[in-house]
Amino acid sequence: MGGVTVFNEKTGVVKNITESEGLPSHMVYGLIDNGDKVWISTTKGIASIDKKKYTVTSYHPNHGWQGTEFSEGAYYQDFKGNLFFGGVEGLNYFNPRTICSSNSKAKLN
């Protein structure tokens, strides 16, 4: 099994989220509740889960992380909202409000 179970108190919905839903790995090492998203570090990268839609956005190592694997218990959120995730090759930190994602698809000719 593995993954993350999310409970929405307002709706009473319980949702189990695994690799099938887009998590980089079922081995979750860190979890930070940050407003409308939950941020997760795993053995294969970082992901965020939208708490209303239960959608997963994965940020794999090619997005600039210190390495593939993050470390168990090595996560923190400071008073400014910056998230810190430690891994086997160092430390990554970022502010999730500054991350822009694009849903556009590349045109293939």
PDB file of N, CA and C in Angstrom:
ATOM      1  N   MET A   1       0.856  -1.169   0.000  1.00  0.00           N
ATOM      2  CA  MET A   1       0.000   0.000   0.000  1.00  0.00           C
ATOM      3  C   MET A   1       0.899   1.228   0.000  1.00  0.00           C
ATOM      4  N   GLY A   2       0.694   2.161   0.882  1.00  0.00           N
ATOM      5  CA  GLY A   2       1.491   3.366   0.932  1.00  0.00           C
ATOM      6  C   GLY A   2       0.741   4.547   0.370  1.00  0.00           C
ATOM      7  N   GLY A   3       1.434   5.650   0.207  1.00  0.00           N
ATOM      8  CA  GLY A   3       0.807   6.864  -0.287  1.00  0.00           C
ATOM      9  C   GLY A   3       0.347   7.742   0.853  1.00  0.00           C
ATOM     10  N   VAL A   4      -0.726   8.508   0.600  1.00  0.00           N
ATOM     11  CA  VAL A   4      -1.246   9.467   1.576  1.00  0.00           C
ATOM     12  C   VAL A   4      -2.759   9.344   1.619  1.00  0.00           C
ATOM     13  N   THR A   5      -3.319   9.405   2.804  1.00  0.00           N
ATOM     14  CA  THR A   5      -4.763   9.458   2.959  1.00  0.00           C
ATOM     15  C   THR A   5      -5.130  10.868   3.382  1.00  0.00           C
ATOM     16  N   VAL A   6      -6.026  11.503   2.606  1.00  0.00           N
ATOM     17  CA  VAL A   6      -6.442  12.877   2.863  1.00  0.00           C
ATOM     18  C   VAL A   6      -7.890  12.856   3.346  1.00  0.00           C
ATOM     19  N   PHE A   7      -8.155  13.569   4.441  1.00  0.00           N
ATOM     20  CA  PHE A   7      -9.514  13.676   4.974  1.00  0.00           C
ATOM     21  C   PHE A   7      -9.950  15.126   4.918  1.00  0.00           C
ATOM     22  N   ASN A   8     -11.090  15.397   4.282  1.00  0.00           N
ATOM     23  CA  ASN A   8     -11.661  16.733   4.220  1.00  0.00           C
ATOM     24  C   ASN A   8     -12.740  16.831   5.286  1.00  0.00           C
ATOM     25  N   GLU A   9     -12.472  17.598   6.350  1.00  0.00           N
ATOM     26  CA  GLU A   9     -13.415  17.716   7.464  1.00  0.00           C
ATOM     27  C   GLU A   9     -14.756  18.299   7.044  1.00  0.00           C
ATOM     28  N   LYS A  10     -14.725  19.252   6.119  1.00  0.00           N
ATOM     29  CA  LYS A  10     -15.966  19.914   5.694  1.00  0.00           C
ATOM     30  C   LYS A  10     -16.896  18.975   4.936  1.00  0.00           C
ATOM     31  N   THR A  11     -16.324  18.151   4.055  1.00  0.00           N
ATOM     32  CA  THR A  11     -17.148  17.267   3.224  1.00  0.00           C
ATOM     33  C   THR A  11     -17.230  15.848   3.768  1.00  0.00           C
ATOM     34  N   GLY A  12     -16.311  15.490   4.660  1.00  0.00           N
ATOM     35  CA  GLY A  12     -16.275  14.136   5.190  1.00  0.00           C
ATOM     36  C   GLY A  12     -15.666  13.125   4.235  1.00  0.00           C
ATOM     37  N   VAL A  13     -15.064  13.594   3.145  1.00  0.00           N
ATOM     38  CA  VAL A  13     -14.479  12.709   2.141  1.00  0.00           C
ATOM     39  C   VAL A  13     -13.093  12.243   2.594  1.00  0.00           C
ATOM     40  N   VAL A  14     -12.869  10.949   2.487  1.00  0.00           N
ATOM     41  CA  VAL A  14     -11.568  10.356   2.743  1.00  0.00           C
ATOM     42  C   VAL A  14     -11.054   9.817   1.409  1.00  0.00           C
ATOM     43  N   LYS A  15      -9.851  10.213   1.030  1.00  0.00           N
ATOM     44  CA  LYS A  15      -9.300   9.823  -0.271  1.00  0.00           C
ATOM     45  C   LYS A  15      -7.882   9.303  -0.071  1.00  0.00           C
ATOM     46  N   ASN A  16      -7.614   8.093  -0.556  1.00  0.00           N
ATOM     47  CA  ASN A  16      -6.264   7.549  -0.530  1.00  0.00           C
ATOM     48  C   ASN A  16      -5.589   7.889  -1.856  1.00  0.00           C
ATOM     49  N   ILE A  17      -4.418   8.492  -1.781  1.00  0.00           N
ATOM     50  CA  ILE A  17      -3.698   8.937  -2.974  1.00  0.00           C
ATOM     51  C   ILE A  17      -2.381   8.179  -3.051  1.00  0.00           C
ATOM     52  N   THR A  18      -2.170   7.537  -4.201  1.00  0.00           N
ATOM     53  CA  THR A  18      -0.986   6.697  -4.398  1.00  0.00           C
ATOM     54  C   THR A  18      -0.309   7.060  -5.716  1.00  0.00           C
ATOM     55  N   GLU A  19       0.598   6.215  -6.143  1.00  0.00           N
ATOM     56  CA  GLU A  19       1.261   6.411  -7.433  1.00  0.00           C
ATOM     57  C   GLU A  19       0.261   6.383  -8.584  1.00  0.00           C
ATOM     58  N   SER A  20      -0.808   5.652  -8.428  1.00  0.00           N
ATOM     59  CA  SER A  20      -1.846   5.599  -9.475  1.00  0.00           C
ATOM     60  C   SER A  20      -2.457   6.968  -9.732  1.00  0.00           C
ATOM     61  N   GLU A  21      -2.509   7.802  -8.686  1.00  0.00           N
ATOM     62  CA  GLU A  21      -3.054   9.157  -8.818  1.00  0.00           C
ATOM     63  C   GLU A  21      -1.983  10.188  -9.156  1.00  0.00           C
ATOM     64  N   GLY A  22      -0.711   9.757  -9.230  1.00  0.00           N
ATOM     65  CA  GLY A  22       0.347  10.667  -9.649  1.00  0.00           C
ATOM     66  C   GLY A  22       1.447  10.938  -8.654  1.00  0.00           C
ATOM     67  N   LEU A  23       1.403  10.351  -7.449  1.00  0.00           N
ATOM     68  CA  LEU A  23       2.521  10.542  -6.525  1.00  0.00           C
ATOM     69  C   LEU A  23       3.793   9.972  -7.145  1.00  0.00           C
ATOM     70  N   PRO A  24       4.946  10.620  -6.924  1.00  0.00           N
ATOM     71  CA  PRO A  24       6.198  10.096  -7.472  1.00  0.00           C
ATOM     72  C   PRO A  24       6.549   8.716  -6.909  1.00  0.00           C
ATOM     73  N   SER A  25       6.148   8.470  -5.653  1.00  0.00           N
ATOM     74  CA  SER A  25       6.454   7.200  -4.987  1.00  0.00           C
ATOM     75  C   SER A  25       5.430   6.963  -3.879  1.00  0.00           C
ATOM     76  N   HIS A  26       5.213   5.707  -3.533  1.00  0.00           N
ATOM     77  CA  HIS A  26       4.327   5.393  -2.415  1.00  0.00           C
ATOM     78  C   HIS A  26       5.038   5.572  -1.070  1.00  0.00           C
ATOM     79  N   MET A  27       6.360   5.744  -1.101  1.00  0.00           N
ATOM     80  CA  MET A  27       7.147   5.948   0.120  1.00  0.00           C
ATOM     81  C   MET A  27       7.213   7.439   0.441  1.00  0.00           C
ATOM     82  N   VAL A  28       6.350   7.893   1.332  1.00  0.00           N
ATOM     83  CA  VAL A  28       6.259   9.303   1.709  1.00  0.00           C
ATOM     84  C   VAL A  28       7.121   9.541   2.940  1.00  0.00           C
ATOM     85  N   TYR A  29       8.027  10.548   2.847  1.00  0.00           N
ATOM     86  CA  TYR A  29       8.943  10.844   3.941  1.00  0.00           C
ATOM     87  C   TYR A  29       8.596  12.126   4.693  1.00  0.00           C
ATOM     88  N   GLY A  30       7.922  13.059   4.048  1.00  0.00           N
ATOM     89  CA  GLY A  30       7.560  14.309   4.698  1.00  0.00           C
ATOM     90  C   GLY A  30       6.237  14.818   4.171  1.00  0.00           C
ATOM     91  N   LEU A  31       5.481  15.522   5.025  1.00  0.00           N
ATOM     92  CA  LEU A  31       4.165  16.028   4.646  1.00  0.00           C
ATOM     93  C   LEU A  31       3.959  17.379   5.324  1.00  0.00           C
ATOM     94  N   ILE A  32       3.668  18.413   4.517  1.00  0.00           N
ATOM     95  CA  ILE A  32       3.442  19.754   5.057  1.00  0.00           C
ATOM     96  C   ILE A  32       2.112  20.276   4.538  1.00  0.00           C
ATOM     97  N   ASP A  33       1.228  20.643   5.462  1.00  0.00           N
ATOM     98  CA  ASP A  33      -0.056  21.255   5.109  1.00  0.00           C
ATOM     99  C   ASP A  33       0.199  22.740   4.874  1.00  0.00           C
ATOM    100  N   ASN A  34      -0.086  23.211   3.649  1.00  0.00           N
ATOM    101  CA  ASN A  34       0.219  24.591   3.284  1.00  0.00           C
ATOM    102  C   ASN A  34      -0.982  25.210   2.566  1.00  0.00           C
ATOM    103  N   GLY A  35      -1.971  25.644   3.336  1.00  0.00           N
ATOM    104  CA  GLY A  35      -3.144  26.282   2.754  1.00  0.00           C
ATOM    105  C   GLY A  35      -4.012  25.305   1.988  1.00  0.00           C
ATOM    106  N   ASP A  36      -4.171  25.527   0.682  1.00  0.00           N
ATOM    107  CA  ASP A  36      -5.043  24.680  -0.123  1.00  0.00           C
ATOM    108  C   ASP A  36      -4.338  23.446  -0.674  1.00  0.00           C
ATOM    109  N   LYS A  37      -3.064  23.252  -0.305  1.00  0.00           N
ATOM    110  CA  LYS A  37      -2.311  22.092  -0.785  1.00  0.00           C
ATOM    111  C   LYS A  37      -1.567  21.421   0.362  1.00  0.00           C
ATOM    112  N   VAL A  38      -1.308  20.150   0.155  1.00  0.00           N
ATOM    113  CA  VAL A  38      -0.421  19.389   1.022  1.00  0.00           C
ATOM    114  C   VAL A  38       0.812  19.058   0.191  1.00  0.00           C
ATOM    115  N   TRP A  39       1.990  19.387   0.711  1.00  0.00           N
ATOM    116  CA  TRP A  39       3.251  19.125   0.009  1.00  0.00           C
ATOM    117  C   TRP A  39       3.891  17.890   0.605  1.00  0.00           C
ATOM    118  N   ILE A  40       4.424  17.037  -0.272  1.00  0.00           N
ATOM    119  CA  ILE A  40       4.910  15.737   0.136  1.00  0.00           C
ATOM    120  C   ILE A  40       6.297  15.489  -0.451  1.00  0.00           C
ATOM    121  N   SER A  41       7.208  14.989   0.377  1.00  0.00           N
ATOM    122  CA  SER A  41       8.500  14.525  -0.142  1.00  0.00           C
ATOM    123  C   SER A  41       8.489  12.998  -0.121  1.00  0.00           C
ATOM    124  N   THR A  42       9.124  12.410  -1.140  1.00  0.00           N
ATOM    125  CA  THR A  42       9.121  10.955  -1.292  1.00  0.00           C
ATOM    126  C   THR A  42      10.514  10.456  -1.661  1.00  0.00           C
ATOM    127  N   THR A  43      10.592   9.187  -1.949  1.00  0.00           N
ATOM    128  CA  THR A  43      11.857   8.601  -2.392  1.00  0.00           C
ATOM    129  C   THR A  43      12.180   8.945  -3.838  1.00  0.00           C
ATOM    130  N   LYS A  44      11.209   9.556  -4.559  1.00  0.00           N
ATOM    131  CA  LYS A  44      11.420   9.866  -5.972  1.00  0.00           C
ATOM    132  C   LYS A  44      11.027  11.291  -6.348  1.00  0.00           C
ATOM    133  N   GLY A  45      11.038  12.204  -5.400  1.00  0.00           N
ATOM    134  CA  GLY A  45      10.712  13.588  -5.721  1.00  0.00           C
ATOM    135  C   GLY A  45       9.683  14.186  -4.780  1.00  0.00           C
ATOM    136  N   ILE A  46       9.195  15.360  -5.160  1.00  0.00           N
ATOM    137  CA  ILE A  46       8.223  16.125  -4.363  1.00  0.00           C
ATOM    138  C   ILE A  46       6.928  16.233  -5.140  1.00  0.00           C
ATOM    139  N   ALA A  47       5.810  16.297  -4.407  1.00  0.00           N
ATOM    140  CA  ALA A  47       4.504  16.471  -5.037  1.00  0.00           C
ATOM    141  C   ALA A  47       3.640  17.356  -4.161  1.00  0.00           C
ATOM    142  N   SER A  48       2.620  17.941  -4.774  1.00  0.00           N
ATOM    143  CA  SER A  48       1.606  18.655  -4.021  1.00  0.00           C
ATOM    144  C   SER A  48       0.245  18.049  -4.349  1.00  0.00           C
ATOM    145  N   ILE A  49      -0.632  18.057  -3.361  1.00  0.00           N
ATOM    146  CA  ILE A  49      -1.992  17.557  -3.540  1.00  0.00           C
ATOM    147  C   ILE A  49      -2.950  18.700  -3.251  1.00  0.00           C
ATOM    148  N   ASP A  50      -3.810  18.991  -4.211  1.00  0.00           N
ATOM    149  CA  ASP A  50      -4.863  19.984  -4.032  1.00  0.00           C
ATOM    150  C   ASP A  50      -5.906  19.381  -3.097  1.00  0.00           C
ATOM    151  N   LYS A  51      -6.174  20.048  -1.967  1.00  0.00           N
ATOM    152  CA  LYS A  51      -7.059  19.479  -0.960  1.00  0.00           C
ATOM    153  C   LYS A  51      -8.538  19.511  -1.352  1.00  0.00           C
ATOM    154  N   LYS A  52      -8.896  20.308  -2.332  1.00  0.00           N
ATOM    155  CA  LYS A  52     -10.295  20.350  -2.772  1.00  0.00           C
ATOM    156  C   LYS A  52     -10.560  19.366  -3.905  1.00  0.00           C
ATOM    157  N   LYS A  53      -9.634  19.291  -4.858  1.00  0.00           N
ATOM    158  CA  LYS A  53      -9.826  18.450  -6.049  1.00  0.00           C
ATOM    159  C   LYS A  53      -9.121  17.103  -5.938  1.00  0.00           C
ATOM    160  N   TYR A  54      -8.214  16.967  -4.977  1.00  0.00           N
ATOM    161  CA  TYR A  54      -7.409  15.760  -4.790  1.00  0.00           C
ATOM    162  C   TYR A  54      -6.508  15.467  -5.990  1.00  0.00           C
ATOM    163  N   THR A  55      -6.153  16.498  -6.734  1.00  0.00           N
ATOM    164  CA  THR A  55      -5.250  16.315  -7.869  1.00  0.00           C
ATOM    165  C   THR A  55      -3.803  16.410  -7.387  1.00  0.00           C
ATOM    166  N   VAL A  56      -2.942  15.649  -8.040  1.00  0.00           N
ATOM    167  CA  VAL A  56      -1.536  15.577  -7.666  1.00  0.00           C
ATOM    168  C   VAL A  56      -0.698  16.255  -8.742  1.00  0.00           C
ATOM    169  N   THR A  57       0.232  17.105  -8.308  1.00  0.00           N
ATOM    170  CA  THR A  57       1.227  17.670  -9.204  1.00  0.00           C
ATOM    171  C   THR A  57       2.585  17.202  -8.716  1.00  0.00           C
ATOM    172  N   SER A  58       3.295  16.467  -9.551  1.00  0.00           N
ATOM    173  CA  SER A  58       4.610  15.940  -9.175  1.00  0.00           C
ATOM    174  C   SER A  58       5.710  16.845  -9.695  1.00  0.00           C
ATOM    175  N   TYR A  59       6.728  17.018  -8.876  1.00  0.00           N
ATOM    176  CA  TYR A  59       7.908  17.786  -9.232  1.00  0.00           C
ATOM    177  C   TYR A  59       9.094  16.836  -9.101  1.00  0.00           C
ATOM    178  N   HIS A  60       9.522  16.288 -10.202  1.00  0.00           N
ATOM    179  CA  HIS A  60      10.569  15.275 -10.206  1.00  0.00           C
ATOM    180  C   HIS A  60      11.952  15.912 -10.132  1.00  0.00           C
ATOM    181  N   PRO A  61      12.984  15.120  -9.898  1.00  0.00           N
ATOM    182  CA  PRO A  61      14.336  15.647  -9.734  1.00  0.00           C
ATOM    183  C   PRO A  61      14.825  16.523 -10.877  1.00  0.00           C
ATOM    184  N   ASN A  62      14.327  16.306 -12.088  1.00  0.00           N
ATOM    185  CA  ASN A  62      14.779  17.158 -13.192  1.00  0.00           C
ATOM    186  C   ASN A  62      14.225  18.579 -13.086  1.00  0.00           C
ATOM    187  N   HIS A  63      13.417  18.853 -12.067  1.00  0.00           N
ATOM    188  CA  HIS A  63      12.961  20.213 -11.798  1.00  0.00           C
ATOM    189  C   HIS A  63      13.960  20.982 -10.923  1.00  0.00           C
ATOM    190  N   GLY A  64      15.120  20.373 -10.637  1.00  0.00           N
ATOM    191  CA  GLY A  64      16.176  21.074  -9.920  1.00  0.00           C
ATOM    192  C   GLY A  64      16.388  20.662  -8.477  1.00  0.00           C
ATOM    193  N   TRP A  65      15.829  19.543  -8.074  1.00  0.00           N
ATOM    194  CA  TRP A  65      16.020  19.105  -6.699  1.00  0.00           C
ATOM    195  C   TRP A  65      17.446  18.630  -6.467  1.00  0.00           C
ATOM    196  N   GLN A  66      17.821  18.550  -5.212  1.00  0.00           N
ATOM    197  CA  GLN A  66      19.161  18.132  -4.806  1.00  0.00           C
ATOM    198  C   GLN A  66      19.481  16.716  -5.252  1.00  0.00           C
ATOM    199  N   GLY A  67      18.486  15.903  -5.412  1.00  0.00           N
ATOM    200  CA  GLY A  67      18.667  14.515  -5.828  1.00  0.00           C
ATOM    201  C   GLY A  67      17.305  13.848  -5.898  1.00  0.00           C
ATOM    202  N   THR A  68      17.317  12.593  -6.248  1.00  0.00           N
ATOM    203  CA  THR A  68      16.060  11.859  -6.383  1.00  0.00           C
ATOM    204  C   THR A  68      15.388  11.631  -5.046  1.00  0.00           C
ATOM    205  N   GLU A  69      16.146  11.187  -4.058  1.00  0.00           N
ATOM    206  CA  GLU A  69      15.555  10.766  -2.791  1.00  0.00           C
ATOM    207  C   GLU A  69      15.646  11.843  -1.718  1.00  0.00           C
ATOM    208  N   PHE A  70      14.526  12.024  -1.042  1.00  0.00           N
ATOM    209  CA  PHE A  70      14.472  12.914   0.114  1.00  0.00           C
ATOM    210  C   PHE A  70      14.582  12.078   1.382  1.00  0.00           C
ATOM    211  N   SER A  71      14.818  12.718   2.516  1.00  0.00           N
ATOM    212  CA  SER A  71      15.069  11.999   3.763  1.00  0.00           C
ATOM    213  C   SER A  71      13.858  12.025   4.682  1.00  0.00           C
ATOM    214  N   GLU A  72      13.650  10.919   5.366  1.00  0.00           N
ATOM    215  CA  GLU A  72      12.530  10.788   6.283  1.00  0.00           C
ATOM    216  C   GLU A  72      12.637  11.806   7.418  1.00  0.00           C
ATOM    217  N   GLY A  73      11.571  12.546   7.639  1.00  0.00           N
ATOM    218  CA  GLY A  73      11.523  13.513   8.731  1.00  0.00           C
ATOM    219  C   GLY A  73      12.245  14.819   8.463  1.00  0.00           C
ATOM    220  N   ALA A  74      12.839  14.986   7.290  1.00  0.00           N
ATOM    221  CA  ALA A  74      13.628  16.180   6.978  1.00  0.00           C
ATOM    222  C   ALA A  74      12.773  17.175   6.194  1.00  0.00           C
ATOM    223  N   TYR A  75      11.852  17.832   6.895  1.00  0.00           N
ATOM    224  CA  TYR A  75      10.977  18.828   6.262  1.00  0.00           C
ATOM    225  C   TYR A  75      10.574  19.870   7.293  1.00  0.00           C
ATOM    226  N   TYR A  76      10.298  21.085   6.789  1.00  0.00           N
ATOM    227  CA  TYR A  76       9.993  22.205   7.690  1.00  0.00           C
ATOM    228  C   TYR A  76       9.308  23.309   6.896  1.00  0.00           C
ATOM    229  N   GLN A  77       8.422  24.040   7.560  1.00  0.00           N
ATOM    230  CA  GLN A  77       7.817  25.240   6.972  1.00  0.00           C
ATOM    231  C   GLN A  77       8.082  26.405   7.913  1.00  0.00           C
ATOM    232  N   ASP A  78       8.681  27.490   7.394  1.00  0.00           N
ATOM    233  CA  ASP A  78       8.976  28.630   8.248  1.00  0.00           C
ATOM    234  C   ASP A  78       7.790  29.604   8.290  1.00  0.00           C
ATOM    235  N   PHE A  79       7.928  30.673   9.057  1.00  0.00           N
ATOM    236  CA  PHE A  79       6.839  31.629   9.260  1.00  0.00           C
ATOM    237  C   PHE A  79       6.498  32.419   8.000  1.00  0.00           C
ATOM    238  N   LYS A  80       7.389  32.440   7.009  1.00  0.00           N
ATOM    239  CA  LYS A  80       7.119  33.126   5.741  1.00  0.00           C
ATOM    240  C   LYS A  80       6.415  32.225   4.726  1.00  0.00           C
ATOM    241  N   GLY A  81       6.252  30.959   5.072  1.00  0.00           N
ATOM    242  CA  GLY A  81       5.620  30.018   4.153  1.00  0.00           C
ATOM    243  C   GLY A  81       6.600  29.252   3.286  1.00  0.00           C
ATOM    244  N   ASN A  82       7.909  29.464   3.488  1.00  0.00           N
ATOM    245  CA  ASN A  82       8.913  28.713   2.739  1.00  0.00           C
ATOM    246  C   ASN A  82       8.922  27.262   3.210  1.00  0.00           C
ATOM    247  N   LEU A  83       9.053  26.351   2.268  1.00  0.00           N
ATOM    248  CA  LEU A  83       9.106  24.928   2.585  1.00  0.00           C
ATOM    249  C   LEU A  83      10.531  24.436   2.405  1.00  0.00           C
ATOM    250  N   PHE A  84      10.977  23.603   3.330  1.00  0.00           N
ATOM    251  CA  PHE A  84      12.321  23.044   3.308  1.00  0.00           C
ATOM    252  C   PHE A  84      12.204  21.519   3.299  1.00  0.00           C
ATOM    253  N   PHE A  85      12.907  20.891   2.366  1.00  0.00           N
ATOM    254  CA  PHE A  85      12.948  19.431   2.290  1.00  0.00           C
ATOM    255  C   PHE A  85      14.396  19.001   2.157  1.00  0.00           C
ATOM    256  N   GLY A  86      14.844  18.149   3.076  1.00  0.00           N
ATOM    257  CA  GLY A  86      16.199  17.635   3.035  1.00  0.00           C
ATOM    258  C   GLY A  86      16.244  16.299   2.343  1.00  0.00           C
ATOM    259  N   GLY A  87      17.354  16.058   1.662  1.00  0.00           N
ATOM    260  CA  GLY A  87      17.517  14.795   0.954  1.00  0.00           C
ATOM    261  C   GLY A  87      18.897  14.226   1.128  1.00  0.00           C
ATOM    262  N   VAL A  88      19.122  13.132   0.461  1.00  0.00           N
ATOM    263  CA  VAL A  88      20.397  12.436   0.611  1.00  0.00           C
ATOM    264  C   VAL A  88      21.566  13.202   0.005  1.00  0.00           C
ATOM    265  N   GLU A  89      21.283  14.214  -0.824  1.00  0.00           N
ATOM    266  CA  GLU A  89      22.348  15.003  -1.437  1.00  0.00           C
ATOM    267  C   GLU A  89      22.290  16.487  -1.087  1.00  0.00           C
ATOM    268  N   GLY A  90      21.489  16.857  -0.066  1.00  0.00           N
ATOM    269  CA  GLY A  90      21.446  18.255   0.336  1.00  0.00           C
ATOM    270  C   GLY A  90      20.064  18.724   0.740  1.00  0.00           C
ATOM    271  N   LEU A  91      19.864  20.041   0.645  1.00  0.00           N
ATOM    272  CA  LEU A  91      18.634  20.680   1.095  1.00  0.00           C
ATOM    273  C   LEU A  91      18.029  21.502  -0.039  1.00  0.00           C
ATOM    274  N   ASN A  92      16.717  21.432  -0.167  1.00  0.00           N
ATOM    275  CA  ASN A  92      15.979  22.281  -1.098  1.00  0.00           C
ATOM    276  C   ASN A  92      15.001  23.111  -0.311  1.00  0.00           C
ATOM    277  N   TYR A  93      14.826  24.363  -0.741  1.00  0.00           N
ATOM    278  CA  TYR A  93      13.780  25.182  -0.136  1.00  0.00           C
ATOM    279  C   TYR A  93      13.177  26.065  -1.205  1.00  0.00           C
ATOM    280  N   PHE A  94      11.908  26.407  -1.019  1.00  0.00           N
ATOM    281  CA  PHE A  94      11.180  27.219  -1.981  1.00  0.00           C
ATOM    282  C   PHE A  94       9.926  27.753  -1.317  1.00  0.00           C
ATOM    283  N   ASN A  95       9.346  28.756  -1.937  1.00  0.00           N
ATOM    284  CA  ASN A  95       8.051  29.258  -1.492  1.00  0.00           C
ATOM    285  C   ASN A  95       7.023  28.803  -2.515  1.00  0.00           C
ATOM    286  N   PRO A  96       6.033  28.004  -2.108  1.00  0.00           N
ATOM    287  CA  PRO A  96       5.083  27.458  -3.073  1.00  0.00           C
ATOM    288  C   PRO A  96       4.265  28.519  -3.805  1.00  0.00           C
ATOM    289  N   ARG A  97       4.164  29.715  -3.249  1.00  0.00           N
ATOM    290  CA  ARG A  97       3.422  30.790  -3.939  1.00  0.00           C
ATOM    291  C   ARG A  97       4.157  31.276  -5.183  1.00  0.00           C
ATOM    292  N   THR A  98       5.445  30.957  -5.305  1.00  0.00           N
ATOM    293  CA  THR A  98       6.223  31.423  -6.450  1.00  0.00           C
ATOM    294  C   THR A  98       6.314  30.388  -7.566  1.00  0.00           C
ATOM    295  N   ILE A  99       5.719  29.223  -7.360  1.00  0.00           N
ATOM    296  CA  ILE A  99       5.770  28.175  -8.379  1.00  0.00           C
ATOM    297  C   ILE A  99       4.649  28.387  -9.381  1.00  0.00           C
ATOM    298  N   CYS A 100       5.026  28.463 -10.638  1.00  0.00           N
ATOM    299  CA  CYS A 100       4.058  28.594 -11.726  1.00  0.00           C
ATOM    300  C   CYS A 100       4.056  27.300 -12.510  1.00  0.00           C
ATOM    301  N   SER A 101       2.869  26.803 -12.785  1.00  0.00           N
ATOM    302  CA  SER A 101       2.797  25.602 -13.614  1.00  0.00           C
ATOM    303  C   SER A 101       1.963  25.897 -14.840  1.00  0.00           C
ATOM    304  N   SER A 102       2.262  25.184 -15.878  1.00  0.00           N
ATOM    305  CA  SER A 102       1.575  25.375 -17.146  1.00  0.00           C
ATOM    306  C   SER A 102       0.852  24.094 -17.522  1.00  0.00           C
ATOM    307  N   ASN A 103      -0.387  24.226 -17.919  1.00  0.00           N
ATOM    308  CA  ASN A 103      -1.153  23.070 -18.364  1.00  0.00           C
ATOM    309  C   ASN A 103      -1.166  22.947 -19.875  1.00  0.00           C
ATOM    310  N   SER A 104      -0.402  23.803 -20.549  1.00  0.00           N
ATOM    311  CA  SER A 104      -0.400  23.769 -22.004  1.00  0.00           C
ATOM    312  C   SER A 104       0.387  22.550 -22.494  1.00  0.00           C
ATOM    313  N   LYS A 105       0.001  22.056 -23.646  1.00  0.00           N
ATOM    314  CA  LYS A 105       0.651  20.884 -24.227  1.00  0.00           C
ATOM    315  C   LYS A 105       1.469  21.331 -25.438  1.00  0.00           C
ATOM    316  N   ALA A 106       2.613  20.701 -25.585  1.00  0.00           N
ATOM    317  CA  ALA A 106       3.472  21.022 -26.714  1.00  0.00           C
ATOM    318  C   ALA A 106       2.824  20.577 -28.022  1.00  0.00           C
ATOM    319  N   LYS A 107       3.025  21.355 -29.066  1.00  0.00           N
ATOM    320  CA  LYS A 107       2.514  20.982 -30.382  1.00  0.00           C
ATOM    321  C   LYS A 107       3.561  20.116 -31.076  1.00  0.00           C
ATOM    322  N   LEU A 108       3.115  19.008 -31.565  1.00  0.00           N
ATOM    323  CA  LEU A 108       4.014  18.096 -32.280  1.00  0.00           C
ATOM    324  C   LEU A 108       3.714  18.190 -33.778  1.00  0.00           C
ATOM    325  N   ASN A 109       4.737  18.329 -34.560  1.00  0.00           N
ATOM    326  CA  ASN A 109       4.569  18.392 -36.026  1.00  0.00           C
ATOM    327  C   ASN A 109       5.052  17.130 -36.674  1.00  0.00           C
TER     328      ASN A 109
END
